[in-house]
């Protein structure tokens, strides 16, 4: 069996999940679209849940770690780096991405109640992001860039939750403009209530 086939299955199924969710995923349709045999598919993924777990571990987790990668190893310039990440997310949003929404938030709502291992894997993605942000925010506090009374862990959760919320509301309104306005407001709120001084 070819590992390239496995990668193609994961990528195609991730795209389908991002588009319409996990429960509506039809693996038989994706097998047909990929022009592979059922035997090839089931060689790698004995069932749909195992496929879902692999999508989270191998595509979704790295994708969200990449979002915050600009914060890793930083000891200064944390506030500016956070605002830049939000700005990138805002500027790269498209009508298509808004229509899909945030895939992690979508799966949390859809699947957290459906399967314990699925929920744990989604929680791992969330926790990995929280740890990066928490560490960066603590470094920002040490550098005097972030208000000293701010709790880094709870703020990390709040920032991630705010991003999810921006996507959810914009998806419901089918509006990139709403997303842009909400993200800009998030930047202002962080600047006013969390960050100190200028953003280097």
N, C-alpha and C. Protein backbone atom coordinates (compact mmCIF):
# COMPACT_ATOMS: atom_id res chain seq x y z
N UNK A 1 0.84 -1.20 0.00
CA UNK A 1 0.00 0.00 0.00
C UNK A 1 0.88 1.26 0.00
N UNK A 2 0.35 2.31 -0.62
CA UNK A 2 1.11 3.54 -0.81
C UNK A 2 0.69 4.57 0.23
N UNK A 3 1.67 5.12 0.97
CA UNK A 3 1.35 6.14 1.96
C UNK A 3 0.76 7.39 1.32
N UNK A 4 1.07 7.61 0.06
CA UNK A 4 0.49 8.74 -0.66
C UNK A 4 -1.02 8.58 -0.78
N UNK A 5 -1.47 7.35 -0.93
CA UNK A 5 -2.91 7.08 -0.97
C UNK A 5 -3.56 7.45 0.35
N UNK A 6 -2.89 7.08 1.44
CA UNK A 6 -3.42 7.41 2.77
C UNK A 6 -3.53 8.92 2.94
N UNK A 7 -2.49 9.65 2.54
CA UNK A 7 -2.49 11.11 2.66
C UNK A 7 -3.61 11.73 1.83
N UNK A 8 -3.85 11.18 0.64
CA UNK A 8 -4.93 11.69 -0.22
C UNK A 8 -6.29 11.45 0.41
N UNK A 9 -6.46 10.28 1.03
CA UNK A 9 -7.72 9.99 1.71
C UNK A 9 -7.96 10.98 2.84
N UNK A 10 -6.92 11.20 3.66
CA UNK A 10 -7.06 12.13 4.78
C UNK A 10 -7.40 13.54 4.32
N UNK A 11 -6.68 14.01 3.31
CA UNK A 11 -6.90 15.37 2.83
C UNK A 11 -8.30 15.53 2.23
N UNK A 12 -8.70 14.57 1.43
CA UNK A 12 -10.03 14.66 0.80
C UNK A 12 -11.13 14.61 1.85
N UNK A 13 -10.99 13.73 2.82
CA UNK A 13 -12.02 13.61 3.85
C UNK A 13 -12.01 14.83 4.78
N UNK A 14 -10.83 15.38 5.04
CA UNK A 14 -10.79 16.63 5.81
C UNK A 14 -11.57 17.73 5.10
N UNK A 15 -11.37 17.85 3.79
CA UNK A 15 -12.07 18.88 3.03
C UNK A 15 -13.58 18.68 3.09
N UNK A 16 -14.00 17.43 3.02
CA UNK A 16 -15.43 17.14 3.11
C UNK A 16 -15.98 17.46 4.50
N UNK A 17 -15.20 17.15 5.54
CA UNK A 17 -15.60 17.46 6.91
C UNK A 17 -15.68 18.97 7.12
N UNK A 18 -14.69 19.69 6.63
CA UNK A 18 -14.69 21.15 6.75
C UNK A 18 -15.88 21.78 6.04
N UNK A 19 -16.30 21.14 4.97
CA UNK A 19 -17.41 21.67 4.17
C UNK A 19 -18.76 21.44 4.84
N UNK A 20 -18.98 20.19 5.33
CA UNK A 20 -20.33 19.87 5.78
C UNK A 20 -20.40 19.12 7.12
N UNK A 21 -19.26 18.89 7.75
CA UNK A 21 -19.27 18.21 9.04
C UNK A 21 -18.92 16.74 8.94
N UNK A 22 -18.70 16.13 10.12
CA UNK A 22 -18.26 14.74 10.15
C UNK A 22 -19.40 13.76 9.94
N UNK A 23 -20.54 14.01 10.57
CA UNK A 23 -21.62 13.03 10.54
C UNK A 23 -22.20 12.86 9.15
N UNK A 24 -22.10 13.88 8.31
CA UNK A 24 -22.61 13.77 6.94
C UNK A 24 -21.56 13.22 5.97
N UNK A 25 -20.34 12.99 6.46
CA UNK A 25 -19.29 12.44 5.60
C UNK A 25 -19.68 11.06 5.10
N UNK A 26 -19.63 10.89 3.79
CA UNK A 26 -19.91 9.60 3.16
C UNK A 26 -18.60 9.05 2.60
N UNK A 27 -18.02 8.10 3.32
CA UNK A 27 -16.73 7.57 2.88
C UNK A 27 -16.83 6.87 1.53
N UNK A 28 -17.98 6.27 1.23
CA UNK A 28 -18.13 5.60 -0.06
C UNK A 28 -18.04 6.60 -1.21
N UNK A 29 -18.60 7.79 -1.01
CA UNK A 29 -18.52 8.82 -2.04
C UNK A 29 -17.08 9.31 -2.22
N UNK A 30 -16.37 9.45 -1.11
CA UNK A 30 -14.98 9.91 -1.19
C UNK A 30 -14.09 8.85 -1.85
N UNK A 31 -14.38 7.58 -1.58
CA UNK A 31 -13.64 6.50 -2.23
C UNK A 31 -13.82 6.58 -3.75
N UNK A 32 -15.06 6.83 -4.17
CA UNK A 32 -15.34 6.96 -5.61
C UNK A 32 -14.63 8.17 -6.20
N UNK A 33 -14.67 9.28 -5.51
CA UNK A 33 -14.03 10.51 -6.01
C UNK A 33 -12.51 10.34 -6.12
N UNK A 34 -11.95 9.62 -5.19
CA UNK A 34 -10.50 9.39 -5.20
C UNK A 34 -10.08 8.29 -6.16
N UNK A 35 -11.07 7.54 -6.66
CA UNK A 35 -10.80 6.44 -7.60
C UNK A 35 -9.87 5.39 -6.98
N UNK A 36 -10.21 5.05 -5.75
CA UNK A 36 -9.49 3.97 -5.06
C UNK A 36 -10.47 2.88 -4.70
N UNK A 37 -9.96 1.72 -4.33
CA UNK A 37 -10.84 0.62 -3.95
C UNK A 37 -11.23 0.73 -2.48
N UNK A 38 -12.34 0.09 -2.14
CA UNK A 38 -12.73 0.04 -0.73
C UNK A 38 -11.66 -0.66 0.10
N UNK A 39 -11.02 -1.65 -0.51
CA UNK A 39 -9.96 -2.37 0.19
C UNK A 39 -8.81 -1.47 0.57
N UNK A 40 -8.45 -0.55 -0.35
CA UNK A 40 -7.37 0.39 -0.06
C UNK A 40 -7.76 1.32 1.08
N UNK A 41 -9.02 1.78 1.05
CA UNK A 41 -9.50 2.67 2.12
C UNK A 41 -9.47 1.96 3.47
N UNK A 42 -10.06 0.77 3.52
CA UNK A 42 -10.18 0.08 4.80
C UNK A 42 -8.86 -0.52 5.29
N UNK A 43 -7.89 -0.59 4.40
CA UNK A 43 -6.55 -0.98 4.83
C UNK A 43 -6.00 0.04 5.83
N UNK A 44 -6.27 1.31 5.57
CA UNK A 44 -5.76 2.38 6.43
C UNK A 44 -6.73 2.74 7.55
N UNK A 45 -8.02 2.70 7.25
CA UNK A 45 -9.02 3.17 8.21
C UNK A 45 -10.14 2.13 8.32
N UNK A 46 -10.13 1.33 9.37
CA UNK A 46 -11.12 0.25 9.49
C UNK A 46 -12.55 0.73 9.64
N UNK A 47 -12.72 1.98 10.08
CA UNK A 47 -14.07 2.54 10.19
C UNK A 47 -14.00 4.07 10.12
N UNK A 48 -15.15 4.68 10.06
CA UNK A 48 -15.24 6.13 9.89
C UNK A 48 -14.65 6.89 11.07
N UNK A 49 -14.88 6.39 12.28
CA UNK A 49 -14.33 7.08 13.46
C UNK A 49 -12.81 7.09 13.44
N UNK A 50 -12.21 5.96 13.07
CA UNK A 50 -10.74 5.92 13.00
C UNK A 50 -10.22 6.94 11.98
N UNK A 51 -10.94 7.08 10.90
CA UNK A 51 -10.59 8.11 9.92
C UNK A 51 -10.67 9.50 10.57
N UNK A 52 -11.75 9.74 11.29
CA UNK A 52 -11.93 11.03 11.95
C UNK A 52 -10.81 11.33 12.93
N UNK A 53 -10.42 10.33 13.71
CA UNK A 53 -9.33 10.52 14.66
C UNK A 53 -8.04 10.92 13.92
N UNK A 54 -7.77 10.25 12.82
CA UNK A 54 -6.54 10.54 12.05
C UNK A 54 -6.59 11.94 11.45
N UNK A 55 -7.75 12.36 10.98
CA UNK A 55 -7.89 13.71 10.43
C UNK A 55 -7.57 14.75 11.50
N UNK A 56 -8.05 14.53 12.71
CA UNK A 56 -7.78 15.49 13.80
C UNK A 56 -6.28 15.51 14.12
N UNK A 57 -5.68 14.32 14.31
CA UNK A 57 -4.28 14.24 14.72
C UNK A 57 -3.32 14.74 13.65
N UNK A 58 -3.61 14.42 12.40
CA UNK A 58 -2.62 14.63 11.34
C UNK A 58 -2.86 15.85 10.47
N UNK A 59 -4.08 16.39 10.48
CA UNK A 59 -4.35 17.58 9.66
C UNK A 59 -4.81 18.75 10.53
N UNK A 60 -5.81 18.52 11.36
CA UNK A 60 -6.38 19.64 12.12
C UNK A 60 -5.42 20.15 13.19
N UNK A 61 -4.81 19.25 13.98
CA UNK A 61 -3.87 19.70 15.00
C UNK A 61 -2.71 20.50 14.41
N UNK A 62 -2.00 20.00 13.40
CA UNK A 62 -0.92 20.81 12.82
C UNK A 62 -1.40 22.14 12.25
N UNK A 63 -2.61 22.16 11.70
CA UNK A 63 -3.15 23.39 11.13
C UNK A 63 -3.32 24.47 12.20
N UNK A 64 -3.83 24.09 13.35
CA UNK A 64 -4.04 25.08 14.42
C UNK A 64 -2.74 25.44 15.13
N UNK A 65 -1.81 24.52 15.20
CA UNK A 65 -0.50 24.86 15.75
C UNK A 65 0.20 25.87 14.84
N UNK A 66 0.02 25.71 13.55
CA UNK A 66 0.61 26.64 12.59
C UNK A 66 0.05 28.05 12.77
N UNK A 67 -1.23 28.14 13.11
CA UNK A 67 -1.86 29.46 13.31
C UNK A 67 -1.07 30.28 14.33
N UNK A 68 -0.62 29.64 15.41
CA UNK A 68 0.03 30.35 16.50
C UNK A 68 1.55 30.21 16.48
N UNK A 69 2.10 29.66 15.43
CA UNK A 69 3.53 29.36 15.40
C UNK A 69 4.41 30.60 15.55
N UNK A 70 3.90 31.76 15.15
CA UNK A 70 4.67 33.00 15.28
C UNK A 70 4.92 33.41 16.72
N UNK A 71 4.25 32.77 17.67
CA UNK A 71 4.45 33.09 19.09
C UNK A 71 5.50 32.22 19.75
N UNK A 72 5.81 31.10 19.15
CA UNK A 72 6.70 30.14 19.81
C UNK A 72 8.13 30.68 19.89
N UNK A 73 8.69 30.56 21.08
CA UNK A 73 10.06 31.00 21.31
C UNK A 73 10.22 32.49 21.54
N UNK A 74 9.16 33.24 21.46
CA UNK A 74 9.25 34.70 21.65
C UNK A 74 9.36 35.07 23.12
N UNK A 75 10.19 36.05 23.39
CA UNK A 75 10.26 36.62 24.74
C UNK A 75 9.85 38.09 24.74
N UNK A 76 9.81 38.70 23.56
CA UNK A 76 9.39 40.09 23.41
C UNK A 76 8.54 40.21 22.15
N UNK A 77 7.83 41.31 22.04
CA UNK A 77 6.99 41.52 20.86
C UNK A 77 5.78 40.63 20.81
N UNK A 78 5.35 40.17 21.98
CA UNK A 78 4.23 39.23 22.03
C UNK A 78 2.93 39.91 21.58
N UNK A 79 2.69 41.09 22.08
CA UNK A 79 1.43 41.77 21.76
C UNK A 79 1.31 42.03 20.26
N UNK A 80 2.39 42.51 19.65
CA UNK A 80 2.36 42.75 18.22
C UNK A 80 2.17 41.47 17.43
N UNK A 81 2.79 40.38 17.89
CA UNK A 81 2.67 39.10 17.20
C UNK A 81 1.24 38.56 17.28
N UNK A 82 0.60 38.71 18.44
CA UNK A 82 -0.79 38.26 18.59
C UNK A 82 -1.70 39.05 17.65
N UNK A 83 -1.53 40.36 17.64
CA UNK A 83 -2.36 41.19 16.76
C UNK A 83 -2.12 40.86 15.29
N UNK A 84 -0.88 40.54 14.95
CA UNK A 84 -0.56 40.17 13.57
C UNK A 84 -1.23 38.86 13.17
N UNK A 85 -1.30 37.92 14.09
CA UNK A 85 -1.97 36.63 13.81
C UNK A 85 -3.45 36.87 13.57
N UNK A 86 -4.06 37.70 14.39
CA UNK A 86 -5.48 38.01 14.20
C UNK A 86 -5.69 38.74 12.88
N UNK A 87 -4.79 39.66 12.56
CA UNK A 87 -4.89 40.41 11.30
C UNK A 87 -4.77 39.47 10.10
N UNK A 88 -3.88 38.49 10.19
CA UNK A 88 -3.72 37.52 9.09
C UNK A 88 -5.00 36.71 8.92
N UNK A 89 -5.55 36.26 10.03
CA UNK A 89 -6.79 35.49 9.98
C UNK A 89 -7.91 36.33 9.34
N UNK A 90 -7.96 37.58 9.71
CA UNK A 90 -8.98 38.49 9.19
C UNK A 90 -8.79 38.76 7.70
N UNK A 91 -7.56 39.06 7.31
CA UNK A 91 -7.31 39.46 5.92
C UNK A 91 -7.42 38.29 4.96
N UNK A 92 -7.16 37.07 5.43
CA UNK A 92 -7.20 35.90 4.56
C UNK A 92 -8.58 35.25 4.49
N UNK A 93 -9.51 35.74 5.28
CA UNK A 93 -10.87 35.18 5.25
C UNK A 93 -11.52 35.46 3.90
N UNK A 94 -12.24 34.49 3.41
CA UNK A 94 -12.95 34.63 2.14
C UNK A 94 -14.42 34.27 2.35
N UNK A 95 -15.24 34.56 1.36
CA UNK A 95 -16.65 34.16 1.46
C UNK A 95 -16.76 32.65 1.67
N UNK A 96 -15.89 31.91 1.01
CA UNK A 96 -15.92 30.44 1.12
C UNK A 96 -15.53 29.98 2.52
N UNK A 97 -14.45 30.56 3.08
CA UNK A 97 -14.03 30.15 4.42
C UNK A 97 -15.04 30.56 5.48
N UNK A 98 -15.69 31.70 5.29
CA UNK A 98 -16.73 32.14 6.23
C UNK A 98 -17.93 31.19 6.16
N UNK A 99 -18.29 30.77 4.96
CA UNK A 99 -19.42 29.84 4.80
C UNK A 99 -19.15 28.51 5.51
N UNK A 100 -17.89 28.07 5.49
CA UNK A 100 -17.54 26.82 6.18
C UNK A 100 -17.49 27.02 7.69
N UNK A 101 -17.00 28.17 8.13
CA UNK A 101 -16.79 28.40 9.54
C UNK A 101 -15.47 27.81 10.01
N UNK A 102 -15.27 27.82 11.31
CA UNK A 102 -14.05 27.28 11.91
C UNK A 102 -14.23 25.79 12.12
N UNK A 103 -13.41 24.98 11.46
CA UNK A 103 -13.62 23.53 11.47
C UNK A 103 -13.52 22.95 12.88
N UNK A 104 -12.62 23.46 13.69
CA UNK A 104 -12.49 22.94 15.06
C UNK A 104 -13.74 23.26 15.87
N UNK A 105 -14.19 24.50 15.80
CA UNK A 105 -15.40 24.89 16.54
C UNK A 105 -16.61 24.09 16.06
N UNK A 106 -16.71 23.90 14.74
CA UNK A 106 -17.81 23.12 14.20
C UNK A 106 -17.81 21.69 14.75
N UNK A 107 -16.62 21.08 14.77
CA UNK A 107 -16.52 19.70 15.25
C UNK A 107 -16.76 19.60 16.76
N UNK A 108 -16.33 20.60 17.51
CA UNK A 108 -16.59 20.60 18.95
C UNK A 108 -18.09 20.56 19.22
N UNK A 109 -18.84 21.36 18.46
CA UNK A 109 -20.29 21.40 18.65
C UNK A 109 -20.92 20.09 18.18
N UNK A 110 -20.45 19.60 17.05
CA UNK A 110 -21.06 18.44 16.43
C UNK A 110 -20.73 17.13 17.13
N UNK A 111 -19.47 16.96 17.56
CA UNK A 111 -18.99 15.63 17.92
C UNK A 111 -18.62 15.43 19.39
N UNK A 112 -18.54 16.49 20.17
CA UNK A 112 -18.10 16.32 21.56
C UNK A 112 -19.03 15.40 22.35
N UNK A 113 -20.30 15.40 22.00
CA UNK A 113 -21.28 14.57 22.71
C UNK A 113 -21.39 13.16 22.11
N UNK A 114 -20.83 12.97 20.91
CA UNK A 114 -21.11 11.75 20.15
C UNK A 114 -20.13 10.62 20.43
N UNK A 115 -18.89 10.95 20.77
CA UNK A 115 -17.86 9.91 20.94
C UNK A 115 -16.79 10.46 21.88
N UNK A 116 -16.48 9.71 22.94
CA UNK A 116 -15.55 10.19 23.96
C UNK A 116 -14.15 10.40 23.39
N UNK A 117 -13.68 9.49 22.56
CA UNK A 117 -12.32 9.64 22.01
C UNK A 117 -12.24 10.81 21.04
N UNK A 118 -13.30 11.02 20.29
CA UNK A 118 -13.35 12.18 19.39
C UNK A 118 -13.25 13.47 20.22
N UNK A 119 -14.02 13.52 21.30
CA UNK A 119 -13.98 14.71 22.17
C UNK A 119 -12.59 14.91 22.75
N UNK A 120 -11.94 13.84 23.18
CA UNK A 120 -10.59 13.96 23.75
C UNK A 120 -9.60 14.50 22.72
N UNK A 121 -9.72 14.05 21.50
CA UNK A 121 -8.81 14.51 20.46
C UNK A 121 -9.05 15.98 20.12
N UNK A 122 -10.31 16.39 20.10
CA UNK A 122 -10.62 17.81 19.90
C UNK A 122 -10.08 18.64 21.07
N UNK A 123 -10.21 18.10 22.27
CA UNK A 123 -9.68 18.78 23.45
C UNK A 123 -8.16 18.92 23.36
N UNK A 124 -7.50 17.92 22.80
CA UNK A 124 -6.04 18.00 22.62
C UNK A 124 -5.66 19.16 21.71
N UNK A 125 -6.45 19.36 20.64
CA UNK A 125 -6.17 20.48 19.73
C UNK A 125 -6.35 21.80 20.46
N UNK A 126 -7.42 21.90 21.23
CA UNK A 126 -7.66 23.11 22.01
C UNK A 126 -6.54 23.35 23.01
N UNK A 127 -6.18 22.31 23.76
CA UNK A 127 -5.16 22.46 24.81
C UNK A 127 -3.80 22.82 24.23
N UNK A 128 -3.46 22.26 23.07
CA UNK A 128 -2.18 22.59 22.44
C UNK A 128 -2.11 24.07 22.09
N UNK A 129 -3.21 24.63 21.64
CA UNK A 129 -3.25 26.06 21.33
C UNK A 129 -3.17 26.90 22.60
N UNK A 130 -3.92 26.48 23.61
CA UNK A 130 -3.92 27.22 24.88
C UNK A 130 -2.51 27.28 25.46
N UNK A 131 -1.78 26.18 25.39
CA UNK A 131 -0.42 26.15 25.95
C UNK A 131 0.51 27.13 25.23
N UNK A 132 0.40 27.19 23.90
CA UNK A 132 1.24 28.13 23.15
C UNK A 132 0.91 29.56 23.55
N UNK A 133 -0.38 29.87 23.58
CA UNK A 133 -0.81 31.23 23.93
C UNK A 133 -0.47 31.57 25.37
N UNK A 134 -0.70 30.63 26.28
CA UNK A 134 -0.41 30.87 27.69
C UNK A 134 1.07 31.18 27.89
N UNK A 135 1.93 30.39 27.28
CA UNK A 135 3.37 30.62 27.41
C UNK A 135 3.76 31.98 26.84
N UNK A 136 3.18 32.33 25.69
CA UNK A 136 3.50 33.62 25.08
C UNK A 136 3.00 34.78 25.92
N UNK A 137 1.81 34.64 26.46
CA UNK A 137 1.25 35.71 27.29
C UNK A 137 2.05 35.89 28.58
N UNK A 138 2.52 34.79 29.16
CA UNK A 138 3.37 34.90 30.35
C UNK A 138 4.68 35.61 30.01
N UNK A 139 5.24 35.31 28.83
CA UNK A 139 6.45 36.00 28.39
C UNK A 139 6.17 37.48 28.19
N UNK A 140 4.99 37.78 27.67
CA UNK A 140 4.61 39.18 27.50
C UNK A 140 4.46 39.92 28.82
N UNK A 141 3.94 39.23 29.81
CA UNK A 141 3.86 39.83 31.15
C UNK A 141 5.25 40.11 31.70
N UNK A 142 6.15 39.14 31.53
CA UNK A 142 7.52 39.30 32.03
C UNK A 142 8.23 40.46 31.34
N UNK A 143 7.87 40.69 30.08
CA UNK A 143 8.50 41.77 29.30
C UNK A 143 7.81 43.11 29.52
N UNK A 144 6.74 43.13 30.33
CA UNK A 144 6.02 44.37 30.59
C UNK A 144 5.11 44.80 29.46
N UNK A 145 4.80 43.88 28.55
CA UNK A 145 3.95 44.22 27.40
C UNK A 145 2.47 43.93 27.67
N UNK A 146 2.22 43.14 28.69
CA UNK A 146 0.87 42.69 28.97
C UNK A 146 0.55 42.98 30.43
N UNK A 147 -0.66 43.42 30.68
CA UNK A 147 -1.06 43.85 32.01
C UNK A 147 -0.79 42.76 33.05
N UNK A 148 -0.24 43.18 34.16
CA UNK A 148 0.23 42.22 35.17
C UNK A 148 -0.90 41.47 35.85
N UNK A 149 -2.11 42.03 35.85
CA UNK A 149 -3.23 41.37 36.55
C UNK A 149 -3.97 40.38 35.65
N UNK A 150 -3.48 40.18 34.44
CA UNK A 150 -4.12 39.29 33.48
C UNK A 150 -3.72 37.84 33.75
N UNK A 151 -4.70 36.93 33.83
CA UNK A 151 -4.41 35.51 33.99
C UNK A 151 -4.18 34.91 32.61
N UNK A 152 -2.98 34.40 32.38
CA UNK A 152 -2.58 33.98 31.04
C UNK A 152 -3.42 32.82 30.51
N UNK A 153 -3.73 31.86 31.34
CA UNK A 153 -4.47 30.69 30.86
C UNK A 153 -5.91 31.05 30.49
N UNK A 154 -6.57 31.78 31.36
CA UNK A 154 -7.96 32.14 31.06
C UNK A 154 -8.03 33.08 29.86
N UNK A 155 -7.04 33.95 29.71
CA UNK A 155 -7.01 34.84 28.55
C UNK A 155 -6.78 34.04 27.27
N UNK A 156 -5.94 33.01 27.33
CA UNK A 156 -5.72 32.16 26.16
C UNK A 156 -7.03 31.50 25.73
N UNK A 157 -7.78 30.97 26.69
CA UNK A 157 -9.08 30.39 26.36
C UNK A 157 -10.01 31.44 25.76
N UNK A 158 -10.01 32.62 26.34
CA UNK A 158 -10.91 33.69 25.86
C UNK A 158 -10.58 34.10 24.44
N UNK A 159 -9.30 34.20 24.12
CA UNK A 159 -8.90 34.59 22.77
C UNK A 159 -9.31 33.54 21.74
N UNK A 160 -9.10 32.27 22.07
CA UNK A 160 -9.49 31.20 21.15
C UNK A 160 -11.01 31.16 21.01
N UNK A 161 -11.70 31.30 22.13
CA UNK A 161 -13.16 31.32 22.09
C UNK A 161 -13.70 32.49 21.28
N UNK A 162 -13.04 33.63 21.38
CA UNK A 162 -13.46 34.81 20.61
C UNK A 162 -13.30 34.57 19.11
N UNK A 163 -12.20 33.94 18.72
CA UNK A 163 -12.00 33.60 17.31
C UNK A 163 -13.10 32.66 16.82
N UNK A 164 -13.39 31.64 17.61
CA UNK A 164 -14.45 30.71 17.24
C UNK A 164 -15.78 31.44 17.10
N UNK A 165 -16.04 32.34 18.04
CA UNK A 165 -17.29 33.09 18.01
C UNK A 165 -17.41 33.99 16.79
N UNK A 166 -16.31 34.61 16.40
CA UNK A 166 -16.33 35.46 15.21
C UNK A 166 -16.71 34.64 13.98
N UNK A 167 -16.12 33.46 13.88
CA UNK A 167 -16.45 32.59 12.74
C UNK A 167 -17.91 32.13 12.80
N UNK A 168 -18.37 31.75 13.99
CA UNK A 168 -19.73 31.22 14.11
C UNK A 168 -20.78 32.25 13.74
N UNK A 169 -20.60 33.48 14.23
CA UNK A 169 -21.59 34.52 13.94
C UNK A 169 -21.53 34.93 12.48
N UNK A 170 -20.32 35.06 11.95
CA UNK A 170 -20.19 35.43 10.53
C UNK A 170 -20.76 34.33 9.63
N UNK A 171 -20.58 33.07 10.03
CA UNK A 171 -21.15 31.96 9.25
C UNK A 171 -22.67 32.04 9.25
N UNK A 172 -23.24 32.31 10.41
CA UNK A 172 -24.70 32.41 10.53
C UNK A 172 -25.23 33.57 9.69
N UNK A 173 -24.50 34.68 9.70
CA UNK A 173 -24.91 35.85 8.92
C UNK A 173 -24.48 35.76 7.45
N UNK A 174 -23.69 34.76 7.12
CA UNK A 174 -23.15 34.60 5.75
C UNK A 174 -22.49 35.89 5.30
N UNK A 175 -21.63 36.43 6.18
CA UNK A 175 -21.07 37.75 5.90
C UNK A 175 -19.60 37.84 6.29
N UNK A 176 -18.76 38.04 5.30
CA UNK A 176 -17.35 38.31 5.56
C UNK A 176 -17.18 39.66 6.24
N UNK A 177 -18.04 40.62 5.90
CA UNK A 177 -17.96 41.95 6.53
C UNK A 177 -18.19 41.86 8.03
N UNK A 178 -19.13 41.04 8.45
CA UNK A 178 -19.37 40.85 9.89
C UNK A 178 -18.13 40.27 10.55
N UNK A 179 -17.52 39.30 9.90
CA UNK A 179 -16.30 38.70 10.43
C UNK A 179 -15.20 39.76 10.59
N UNK A 180 -15.00 40.57 9.57
CA UNK A 180 -13.98 41.62 9.61
C UNK A 180 -14.24 42.59 10.75
N UNK A 181 -15.47 43.02 10.91
CA UNK A 181 -15.82 43.95 11.97
C UNK A 181 -15.56 43.35 13.34
N UNK A 182 -15.95 42.09 13.53
CA UNK A 182 -15.77 41.45 14.83
C UNK A 182 -14.30 41.22 15.14
N UNK A 183 -13.53 40.84 14.14
CA UNK A 183 -12.09 40.63 14.36
C UNK A 183 -11.39 41.94 14.67
N UNK A 184 -11.79 43.00 14.00
CA UNK A 184 -11.21 44.32 14.29
C UNK A 184 -11.55 44.74 15.71
N UNK A 185 -12.76 44.44 16.15
CA UNK A 185 -13.16 44.77 17.51
C UNK A 185 -12.37 43.96 18.52
N UNK A 186 -12.09 42.69 18.20
CA UNK A 186 -11.25 41.86 19.07
C UNK A 186 -9.86 42.47 19.21
N UNK A 187 -9.30 42.93 18.12
CA UNK A 187 -7.98 43.58 18.17
C UNK A 187 -8.02 44.81 19.07
N UNK A 188 -9.07 45.62 18.94
CA UNK A 188 -9.18 46.83 19.78
C UNK A 188 -9.34 46.47 21.25
N UNK A 189 -10.14 45.45 21.53
CA UNK A 189 -10.34 45.03 22.92
C UNK A 189 -9.04 44.56 23.55
N UNK A 190 -8.27 43.78 22.81
CA UNK A 190 -6.98 43.31 23.32
C UNK A 190 -6.04 44.49 23.54
N UNK A 191 -6.02 45.41 22.60
CA UNK A 191 -5.16 46.59 22.72
C UNK A 191 -5.52 47.43 23.93
N UNK A 192 -6.82 47.55 24.19
CA UNK A 192 -7.29 48.42 25.28
C UNK A 192 -7.18 47.76 26.66
N UNK A 193 -7.46 46.45 26.73
CA UNK A 193 -7.62 45.83 28.05
C UNK A 193 -6.55 44.83 28.44
N UNK A 194 -5.72 44.40 27.47
CA UNK A 194 -4.74 43.36 27.77
C UNK A 194 -3.31 43.84 27.56
N UNK A 195 -3.05 44.51 26.45
CA UNK A 195 -1.70 44.88 26.08
C UNK A 195 -1.32 46.24 26.64
N UNK A 196 -0.04 46.38 26.92
CA UNK A 196 0.52 47.63 27.45
C UNK A 196 1.34 48.33 26.37
N UNK A 197 1.16 49.62 26.23
CA UNK A 197 2.06 50.42 25.39
C UNK A 197 1.99 50.07 23.91
N UNK A 198 3.10 50.24 23.22
CA UNK A 198 3.18 50.00 21.80
C UNK A 198 3.53 48.55 21.53
N UNK A 199 3.31 48.11 20.30
CA UNK A 199 3.47 46.71 19.95
C UNK A 199 4.66 46.53 19.05
N UNK A 200 5.80 46.13 19.66
CA UNK A 200 7.03 45.96 18.90
C UNK A 200 7.23 44.52 18.53
